[in-house]
N, C-alpha and C. Protein backbone atom coordinates (compact mmCIF):
# COMPACT_ATOMS: atom_id res chain seq x y z
N PRO A 1 0.86 -0.99 -0.26
CA PRO A 1 0.01 0.07 0.01
C PRO A 1 0.84 0.81 -0.11
N THR A 2 0.47 2.27 -0.73
CA THR A 2 1.10 3.76 -0.71
C THR A 2 0.56 4.36 0.58
N PHE A 3 1.14 4.96 1.05
CA PHE A 3 1.26 6.36 2.57
C PHE A 3 0.64 7.75 1.48
N ARG A 4 -0.64 7.87 1.70
CA ARG A 4 -1.00 8.90 0.90
C ARG A 4 -1.16 10.19 2.07
N GLN A 5 -0.76 11.52 1.13
CA GLN A 5 -0.54 12.53 2.68
C GLN A 5 -1.58 12.78 3.31
N LYS A 6 -3.27 12.45 2.40
CA LYS A 6 -4.26 12.89 2.63
C LYS A 6 -4.92 11.70 3.62
N ASP A 7 -4.49 10.87 4.64
CA ASP A 7 -4.71 9.57 5.02
C ASP A 7 -3.68 8.85 6.27
N PRO A 8 -4.20 10.27 7.44
CA PRO A 8 -3.29 9.71 8.91
C PRO A 8 -3.57 8.85 9.23
N ILE A 9 -2.36 9.00 10.18
CA ILE A 9 -2.10 7.62 11.06
C ILE A 9 -2.67 8.24 12.52
N LEU A 10 -3.37 7.29 13.27
CA LEU A 10 -3.91 7.88 14.35
C LEU A 10 -2.50 7.81 15.53
N SER A 11 -2.33 8.70 16.26
CA SER A 11 -0.85 8.18 17.24
C SER A 11 -0.54 9.92 17.86
N THR A 12 0.48 9.67 18.50
CA THR A 12 0.50 11.05 19.00
C THR A 12 1.92 11.23 18.99
N ASN A 13 2.75 11.81 17.84
CA ASN A 13 4.20 12.07 17.70
C ASN A 13 4.95 13.14 18.65
N SER A 14 5.98 12.93 18.26
CA SER A 14 7.15 13.76 19.52
C SER A 14 6.88 14.94 19.58
N LYS A 15 5.63 16.04 18.43
CA LYS A 15 5.40 17.50 19.12
C LYS A 15 4.33 17.10 19.67
N GLY A 16 3.22 16.07 19.73
CA GLY A 16 2.05 16.14 20.31
C GLY A 16 0.98 16.09 19.75
N GLN A 17 1.17 15.94 18.31
CA GLN A 17 0.43 16.06 17.14
C GLN A 17 -0.53 14.50 17.24
N GLN A 18 -2.31 14.60 16.98
CA GLN A 18 -2.66 13.19 16.86
C GLN A 18 -3.24 12.54 15.59
N HIS A 19 -2.75 13.12 14.12
CA HIS A 19 -2.69 12.99 13.44
C HIS A 19 -1.39 13.28 12.84
N VAL A 20 -1.21 12.01 12.34
CA VAL A 20 0.32 11.80 12.16
C VAL A 20 0.30 11.70 9.96
N TYR A 21 0.51 12.76 9.34
CA TYR A 21 0.66 12.95 7.64
C TYR A 21 1.62 12.40 6.95
N SER A 22 2.72 11.83 7.84
CA SER A 22 4.19 11.29 7.09
C SER A 22 4.52 10.46 8.03
N PRO A 23 5.08 9.72 7.15
CA PRO A 23 6.01 8.56 8.48
C PRO A 23 6.57 8.70 8.85
N GLU A 24 6.53 8.52 10.80
CA GLU A 24 7.30 8.63 11.75
C GLU A 24 8.04 7.78 12.53
N LYS A 25 9.01 7.66 13.12
CA LYS A 25 9.72 6.39 14.28
C LYS A 25 9.09 6.90 15.15
N ILE A 26 7.99 5.83 16.15
CA ILE A 26 7.25 5.66 16.90
C ILE A 26 8.48 5.24 18.51
N THR A 27 8.73 5.76 19.05
CA THR A 27 9.71 5.73 20.15
C THR A 27 9.33 4.79 21.32
N SER A 28 8.35 4.83 21.54
CA SER A 28 7.73 4.10 22.41
C SER A 28 7.38 2.61 22.14
N LEU A 29 7.88 2.35 20.68
CA LEU A 29 7.76 0.90 20.49
C LEU A 29 8.82 0.38 20.64
N PRO A 30 9.44 -0.82 21.47
CA PRO A 30 10.76 -1.41 21.54
C PRO A 30 11.19 -1.81 20.49
N GLN A 31 12.89 -1.63 20.17
CA GLN A 31 13.49 -1.72 19.18
C GLN A 31 13.15 -3.04 18.64
N SER A 32 12.83 -4.18 18.98
CA SER A 32 12.60 -5.03 18.24
C SER A 32 11.55 -5.62 17.49
N ILE A 33 11.01 -4.24 16.80
CA ILE A 33 9.64 -4.72 15.92
C ILE A 33 10.20 -5.17 15.22
N ILE A 34 9.58 -6.35 14.43
CA ILE A 34 10.40 -7.11 13.15
C ILE A 34 9.10 -6.34 12.05
N ALA A 35 7.65 -6.09 12.13
CA ALA A 35 6.56 -6.14 11.26
C ALA A 35 5.72 -4.76 11.86
N VAL A 36 5.06 -4.33 11.56
CA VAL A 36 4.00 -3.43 11.31
C VAL A 36 3.12 -3.77 9.77
N ASP A 37 1.69 -3.41 10.49
CA ASP A 37 0.83 -2.91 9.31
C ASP A 37 -0.04 -2.22 9.61
N ALA A 38 -0.92 -1.53 8.74
CA ALA A 38 -2.02 -0.66 9.39
C ALA A 38 -3.11 -0.83 8.42
N GLY A 39 -4.63 -0.57 9.13
CA GLY A 39 -5.66 -0.77 8.77
C GLY A 39 -5.80 1.06 8.52
N LEU A 40 -7.16 1.25 8.13
CA LEU A 40 -7.76 2.44 7.51
C LEU A 40 -7.04 3.28 8.89
N GLN A 41 -7.63 3.71 9.78
CA GLN A 41 -7.16 4.03 11.48
C GLN A 41 -6.65 3.37 12.92
N HIS A 42 -5.83 2.62 11.97
CA HIS A 42 -5.40 1.89 13.34
C HIS A 42 -3.81 1.10 13.16
N CYS A 43 -2.93 0.61 14.05
CA CYS A 43 -1.86 0.04 13.38
C CYS A 43 -1.34 -0.91 14.27
N ILE A 44 -0.91 -2.05 13.94
CA ILE A 44 -0.33 -3.38 14.38
C ILE A 44 0.83 -3.25 14.55
N ALA A 45 2.22 -3.87 15.34
CA ALA A 45 3.30 -3.81 15.23
C ALA A 45 3.76 -5.35 15.95
N LEU A 46 4.56 -6.13 15.44
CA LEU A 46 5.15 -7.16 16.22
C LEU A 46 6.67 -7.56 16.05
N ASP A 47 6.75 -7.73 17.12
CA ASP A 47 8.47 -7.70 18.09
C ASP A 47 8.54 -8.99 18.01
N SER A 48 9.75 -9.27 18.21
CA SER A 48 10.50 -10.42 17.41
C SER A 48 10.12 -11.87 18.80
N ASN A 49 10.03 -11.32 19.85
CA ASN A 49 9.83 -12.03 21.24
C ASN A 49 8.04 -12.42 20.97
N GLY A 50 7.10 -12.31 19.90
CA GLY A 50 5.67 -12.53 19.53
C GLY A 50 5.05 -11.36 20.40
N HIS A 51 5.24 -10.38 20.49
CA HIS A 51 4.35 -9.92 21.20
C HIS A 51 3.69 -8.57 20.13
N VAL A 52 2.50 -8.30 20.22
CA VAL A 52 1.50 -7.35 19.32
C VAL A 52 1.50 -6.40 20.12
N TYR A 53 2.05 -5.15 19.09
CA TYR A 53 1.13 -3.77 20.22
C TYR A 53 0.49 -2.91 18.94
N THR A 54 -0.66 -2.44 19.42
CA THR A 54 -1.80 -1.79 18.61
C THR A 54 -1.98 -0.32 19.06
N TRP A 55 -2.74 0.67 18.28
CA TRP A 55 -2.44 1.73 18.36
C TRP A 55 -4.00 2.64 17.09
N GLY A 56 -4.62 3.23 17.83
CA GLY A 56 -5.15 3.99 16.84
C GLY A 56 -6.76 3.95 17.08
N LYS A 57 -7.80 3.97 16.36
CA LYS A 57 -9.07 3.86 16.85
C LYS A 57 -9.79 2.41 16.78
N ALA A 58 -10.55 2.09 17.68
CA ALA A 58 -11.03 0.81 18.11
C ALA A 58 -12.53 0.91 17.78
N GLY A 59 -13.11 1.04 16.52
CA GLY A 59 -14.74 1.62 16.70
C GLY A 59 -15.09 0.05 16.84
N LYS A 60 -14.62 -0.88 16.16
CA LYS A 60 -15.09 -2.20 16.44
C LYS A 60 -14.09 -3.22 16.89
N GLY A 61 -13.76 -2.60 18.01
CA GLY A 61 -12.88 -3.93 18.63
C GLY A 61 -11.48 -4.15 18.45
N GLN A 62 -10.76 -3.74 17.10
CA GLN A 62 -9.93 -4.19 16.16
C GLN A 62 -8.34 -3.68 16.88
N LEU A 63 -8.38 -2.96 17.81
CA LEU A 63 -7.32 -2.87 18.59
C LEU A 63 -7.09 -4.35 19.25
N GLY A 64 -8.28 -4.91 19.82
CA GLY A 64 -7.78 -6.75 20.32
C GLY A 64 -6.88 -6.12 22.15
N ILE A 65 -7.58 -4.46 22.33
CA ILE A 65 -7.30 -4.57 23.84
C ILE A 65 -8.12 -4.23 24.91
N GLY A 66 -9.50 -4.88 24.52
CA GLY A 66 -10.44 -4.39 25.71
C GLY A 66 -11.51 -3.50 25.41
N VAL A 67 -11.34 -2.74 24.22
CA VAL A 67 -11.79 -1.16 24.23
C VAL A 67 -12.93 -1.47 22.63
N ILE A 68 -13.68 -0.71 22.72
CA ILE A 68 -14.75 -0.50 21.80
C ILE A 68 -14.90 1.25 21.68
N ASP A 69 -15.14 1.43 20.50
CA ASP A 69 -15.59 3.03 20.41
C ASP A 69 -14.81 4.22 21.14
N GLU A 70 -13.24 3.74 21.09
CA GLU A 70 -12.24 4.42 22.19
C GLU A 70 -10.63 4.22 21.18
N ALA A 71 -10.20 5.33 21.52
CA ALA A 71 -8.71 5.34 20.56
C ALA A 71 -7.85 5.31 21.48
N SER A 72 -6.62 4.51 21.17
CA SER A 72 -5.62 4.26 21.70
C SER A 72 -4.57 5.15 21.22
N TYR A 73 -3.91 6.42 21.43
CA TYR A 73 -3.04 7.12 20.58
C TYR A 73 -1.71 6.75 20.99
N ALA A 74 -1.40 5.76 22.04
CA ALA A 74 -0.05 5.52 21.66
C ALA A 74 0.22 3.61 21.91
N PRO A 75 1.18 3.28 21.59
CA PRO A 75 0.93 1.35 21.08
C PRO A 75 0.54 1.37 22.37
N THR A 76 0.19 0.21 22.51
CA THR A 76 -0.38 -0.98 23.47
C THR A 76 -0.02 -2.33 23.19
N LYS A 77 0.97 -2.65 24.18
CA LYS A 77 0.88 -4.62 24.15
C LYS A 77 -0.84 -5.28 24.43
N VAL A 78 -0.93 -5.59 23.47
CA VAL A 78 -2.11 -6.62 23.66
C VAL A 78 -1.41 -8.13 24.33
N THR A 79 -2.25 -8.02 25.56
CA THR A 79 -2.22 -9.54 26.35
C THR A 79 -3.57 -10.39 26.31
N THR A 80 -3.32 -11.60 26.07
CA THR A 80 -4.04 -12.65 26.14
C THR A 80 -5.08 -12.37 26.80
N LYS A 81 -5.35 -11.63 27.96
CA LYS A 81 -6.78 -11.22 28.85
C LYS A 81 -7.55 -10.46 27.89
N ASP A 82 -6.67 -9.89 27.10
CA ASP A 82 -7.66 -8.65 26.26
C ASP A 82 -8.38 -9.27 25.05
N VAL A 83 -7.84 -10.50 24.87
CA VAL A 83 -8.65 -10.88 23.51
C VAL A 83 -9.71 -11.80 24.01
N THR A 84 -10.75 -11.72 23.16
CA THR A 84 -11.62 -12.72 23.28
C THR A 84 -12.28 -13.24 22.08
N GLY A 85 -12.51 -14.28 22.58
CA GLY A 85 -13.02 -15.01 20.84
C GLY A 85 -13.99 -15.70 20.75
């Protein structure tokens, strides 16, 4: 996929901005991140230990952190207690 300037990623950058329109390093993620993927308004990162981090909007629970209709502006580690099946 192509990163388009009109499609912001929901996050908080080093300047305190919550809608970021260009790629930036997310310093709150561990250095061991090996993969990142993004939906329309949420992102997911995987580290080399198998831990998953999510951030963005959770209108349908897509963050996997036990919240719906809220947003997480910082990467949050997903735990098994948060995931329901």
